[in-house]
């Protein structure tokens, strides 16, 4: 189940990268771009999502190491 959650999180992260790229390529927060999203909000959301993904991956690795799964 943990691996399924990781795969779902990675798929979501790819979608987030696509949306961030589209937002930046279409002008981001420039005047007249039609967005009301502040850059601080967008990049803080991105940073928190990236940190959460890294913490989840570390958790999976540490849990496997603690249980002795997949090791020597």
N, C-alpha and C. Protein backbone atom coordinates (compact mmCIF):
# COMPACT_ATOMS: atom_id res chain seq x y z
N UNK A 1 0.81 -1.18 0.00
CA UNK A 1 0.00 0.00 0.00
C UNK A 1 0.86 1.26 0.00
N UNK A 2 2.00 1.19 0.67
CA UNK A 2 2.89 2.34 0.73
C UNK A 2 3.44 2.67 -0.66
N UNK A 3 3.74 1.65 -1.43
CA UNK A 3 4.26 1.87 -2.78
C UNK A 3 3.17 2.45 -3.68
N UNK A 4 1.94 2.00 -3.50
CA UNK A 4 0.82 2.55 -4.28
C UNK A 4 0.63 4.03 -3.95
N UNK A 5 0.75 4.39 -2.68
CA UNK A 5 0.64 5.80 -2.29
C UNK A 5 1.77 6.62 -2.90
N UNK A 6 2.97 6.05 -2.93
CA UNK A 6 4.10 6.75 -3.53
C UNK A 6 3.88 6.96 -5.03
N UNK A 7 3.37 5.97 -5.71
CA UNK A 7 3.10 6.10 -7.14
C UNK A 7 2.04 7.17 -7.38
N UNK A 8 0.98 7.16 -6.57
CA UNK A 8 -0.06 8.19 -6.71
C UNK A 8 0.52 9.58 -6.45
N UNK A 9 1.41 9.68 -5.47
CA UNK A 9 2.02 10.97 -5.15
C UNK A 9 2.91 11.44 -6.31
N UNK A 10 3.64 10.53 -6.91
CA UNK A 10 4.50 10.89 -8.03
C UNK A 10 3.68 11.33 -9.25
N UNK A 11 2.57 10.66 -9.51
CA UNK A 11 1.69 11.06 -10.61
C UNK A 11 1.14 12.46 -10.35
N UNK A 12 0.74 12.71 -9.12
CA UNK A 12 0.24 14.03 -8.74
C UNK A 12 1.34 15.09 -8.88
N UNK A 13 2.57 14.74 -8.51
CA UNK A 13 3.68 15.67 -8.62
C UNK A 13 3.95 16.04 -10.07
N UNK A 14 3.86 15.06 -10.96
CA UNK A 14 4.05 15.35 -12.39
C UNK A 14 2.97 16.32 -12.87
N UNK A 15 1.74 16.09 -12.45
CA UNK A 15 0.66 17.02 -12.80
C UNK A 15 0.92 18.41 -12.27
N UNK A 16 1.44 18.50 -11.06
CA UNK A 16 1.78 19.79 -10.49
C UNK A 16 2.90 20.49 -11.25
N UNK A 17 3.90 19.73 -11.67
CA UNK A 17 4.99 20.30 -12.48
C UNK A 17 4.44 20.86 -13.79
N UNK A 18 3.53 20.13 -14.40
CA UNK A 18 2.92 20.58 -15.66
C UNK A 18 2.16 21.88 -15.44
N UNK A 19 1.34 21.92 -14.37
CA UNK A 19 0.57 23.13 -14.09
C UNK A 19 1.47 24.32 -13.77
N UNK A 20 2.54 24.08 -13.01
CA UNK A 20 3.49 25.16 -12.69
C UNK A 20 4.15 25.66 -13.97
N UNK A 21 4.56 24.74 -14.84
CA UNK A 21 5.18 25.13 -16.10
C UNK A 21 4.24 25.94 -16.98
N UNK A 22 2.97 25.51 -17.03
CA UNK A 22 1.98 26.27 -17.81
C UNK A 22 1.76 27.65 -17.22
N UNK A 23 1.68 27.76 -15.92
CA UNK A 23 1.47 29.04 -15.26
C UNK A 23 2.63 29.99 -15.56
N UNK A 24 3.85 29.48 -15.46
CA UNK A 24 5.03 30.31 -15.73
C UNK A 24 5.11 30.67 -17.21
N UNK A 25 4.84 29.70 -18.10
CA UNK A 25 4.97 29.97 -19.53
C UNK A 25 3.90 30.93 -20.04
N UNK A 26 2.78 31.00 -19.36
CA UNK A 26 1.70 31.90 -19.77
C UNK A 26 1.74 33.24 -19.06
N UNK A 27 2.89 33.55 -18.47
CA UNK A 27 3.06 34.88 -17.89
C UNK A 27 3.15 34.92 -16.39
N UNK A 28 2.82 33.85 -15.71
CA UNK A 28 2.92 33.84 -14.26
C UNK A 28 2.07 34.93 -13.64
N UNK A 29 2.72 35.82 -12.91
CA UNK A 29 2.01 36.87 -12.19
C UNK A 29 2.17 38.23 -12.86
N UNK A 30 2.50 38.26 -14.12
CA UNK A 30 2.64 39.53 -14.83
C UNK A 30 1.29 40.23 -14.91
N UNK A 31 1.33 41.57 -14.92
CA UNK A 31 0.07 42.30 -15.10
C UNK A 31 -0.57 41.94 -16.44
N UNK A 32 -1.84 41.71 -16.44
CA UNK A 32 -2.54 41.37 -17.67
C UNK A 32 -2.54 39.89 -17.99
N UNK A 33 -1.92 39.08 -17.14
CA UNK A 33 -1.89 37.64 -17.42
C UNK A 33 -3.19 36.95 -17.02
N UNK A 34 -4.02 37.64 -16.28
CA UNK A 34 -5.32 37.10 -15.91
C UNK A 34 -5.30 36.20 -14.69
N UNK A 35 -4.21 36.15 -13.95
CA UNK A 35 -4.14 35.30 -12.76
C UNK A 35 -4.23 36.14 -11.50
N UNK A 36 -4.81 35.56 -10.48
CA UNK A 36 -4.86 36.22 -9.18
C UNK A 36 -3.98 35.50 -8.17
N UNK A 37 -3.21 34.53 -8.64
CA UNK A 37 -2.33 33.77 -7.76
C UNK A 37 -1.02 34.52 -7.54
N UNK A 38 -0.70 34.78 -6.29
CA UNK A 38 0.55 35.45 -5.96
C UNK A 38 1.71 34.46 -6.13
N UNK A 39 2.85 34.94 -6.60
CA UNK A 39 4.00 34.03 -6.76
C UNK A 39 4.40 33.34 -5.46
N UNK A 40 4.32 34.05 -4.35
CA UNK A 40 4.65 33.42 -3.07
C UNK A 40 3.76 32.24 -2.75
N UNK A 41 2.49 32.37 -3.07
CA UNK A 41 1.54 31.28 -2.85
C UNK A 41 1.87 30.08 -3.73
N UNK A 42 2.13 30.33 -4.99
CA UNK A 42 2.40 29.25 -5.95
C UNK A 42 3.68 28.51 -5.58
N UNK A 43 4.75 29.26 -5.32
CA UNK A 43 6.04 28.61 -5.07
C UNK A 43 6.11 27.99 -3.67
N UNK A 44 5.38 28.56 -2.70
CA UNK A 44 5.32 27.93 -1.38
C UNK A 44 4.58 26.61 -1.47
N UNK A 45 3.49 26.58 -2.23
CA UNK A 45 2.73 25.34 -2.43
C UNK A 45 3.63 24.28 -3.09
N UNK A 46 4.36 24.69 -4.11
CA UNK A 46 5.28 23.78 -4.80
C UNK A 46 6.35 23.25 -3.84
N UNK A 47 6.93 24.14 -3.04
CA UNK A 47 7.99 23.74 -2.11
C UNK A 47 7.46 22.78 -1.05
N UNK A 48 6.29 23.06 -0.49
CA UNK A 48 5.72 22.17 0.52
C UNK A 48 5.39 20.80 -0.07
N UNK A 49 4.90 20.77 -1.29
CA UNK A 49 4.61 19.49 -1.94
C UNK A 49 5.89 18.70 -2.18
N UNK A 50 6.94 19.36 -2.62
CA UNK A 50 8.22 18.69 -2.86
C UNK A 50 8.80 18.15 -1.55
N UNK A 51 8.74 18.94 -0.49
CA UNK A 51 9.24 18.49 0.81
C UNK A 51 8.43 17.30 1.30
N UNK A 52 7.11 17.35 1.15
CA UNK A 52 6.27 16.23 1.56
C UNK A 52 6.61 14.95 0.81
N UNK A 53 6.88 15.06 -0.48
CA UNK A 53 7.25 13.89 -1.27
C UNK A 53 8.57 13.31 -0.80
N UNK A 54 9.54 14.16 -0.54
CA UNK A 54 10.85 13.70 -0.06
C UNK A 54 10.71 13.03 1.31
N UNK A 55 9.92 13.61 2.21
CA UNK A 55 9.70 13.02 3.53
C UNK A 55 9.05 11.65 3.40
N UNK A 56 8.08 11.50 2.48
CA UNK A 56 7.43 10.21 2.29
C UNK A 56 8.42 9.18 1.77
N UNK A 57 9.27 9.56 0.83
CA UNK A 57 10.27 8.62 0.30
C UNK A 57 11.24 8.21 1.39
N UNK A 58 11.69 9.16 2.20
CA UNK A 58 12.60 8.84 3.31
C UNK A 58 11.90 7.90 4.29
N UNK A 59 10.64 8.16 4.56
CA UNK A 59 9.87 7.28 5.46
C UNK A 59 9.83 5.85 4.92
N UNK A 60 9.56 5.70 3.63
CA UNK A 60 9.52 4.35 3.04
C UNK A 60 10.86 3.65 3.15
N UNK A 61 11.94 4.38 2.87
CA UNK A 61 13.28 3.79 2.92
C UNK A 61 13.63 3.41 4.36
N UNK A 62 13.33 4.30 5.30
CA UNK A 62 13.67 4.02 6.70
C UNK A 62 12.81 2.88 7.26
N UNK A 63 11.56 2.79 6.87
CA UNK A 63 10.69 1.71 7.33
C UNK A 63 11.20 0.36 6.81
N UNK A 64 11.63 0.33 5.56
CA UNK A 64 12.18 -0.92 5.02
C UNK A 64 13.46 -1.31 5.75
N UNK A 65 14.30 -0.31 6.05
CA UNK A 65 15.55 -0.59 6.74
C UNK A 65 15.27 -1.09 8.16
N UNK A 66 14.29 -0.49 8.83
CA UNK A 66 13.96 -0.88 10.21
C UNK A 66 13.37 -2.30 10.26
N UNK A 67 12.64 -2.67 9.24
CA UNK A 67 12.03 -4.00 9.20
C UNK A 67 12.96 -5.05 8.63
N UNK A 68 14.08 -4.62 8.06
CA UNK A 68 15.02 -5.56 7.47
C UNK A 68 14.54 -6.11 6.15
N UNK A 69 13.69 -5.40 5.46
CA UNK A 69 13.14 -5.85 4.19
C UNK A 69 14.05 -5.43 3.06
N UNK A 70 14.37 -6.31 2.19
CA UNK A 70 15.14 -5.99 1.00
C UNK A 70 16.63 -5.80 1.23
N UNK A 71 17.08 -6.02 2.41
CA UNK A 71 18.50 -5.82 2.70
C UNK A 71 19.24 -7.13 2.74
N UNK A 72 20.42 -7.10 3.30
CA UNK A 72 21.26 -8.29 3.35
C UNK A 72 20.86 -9.26 4.40
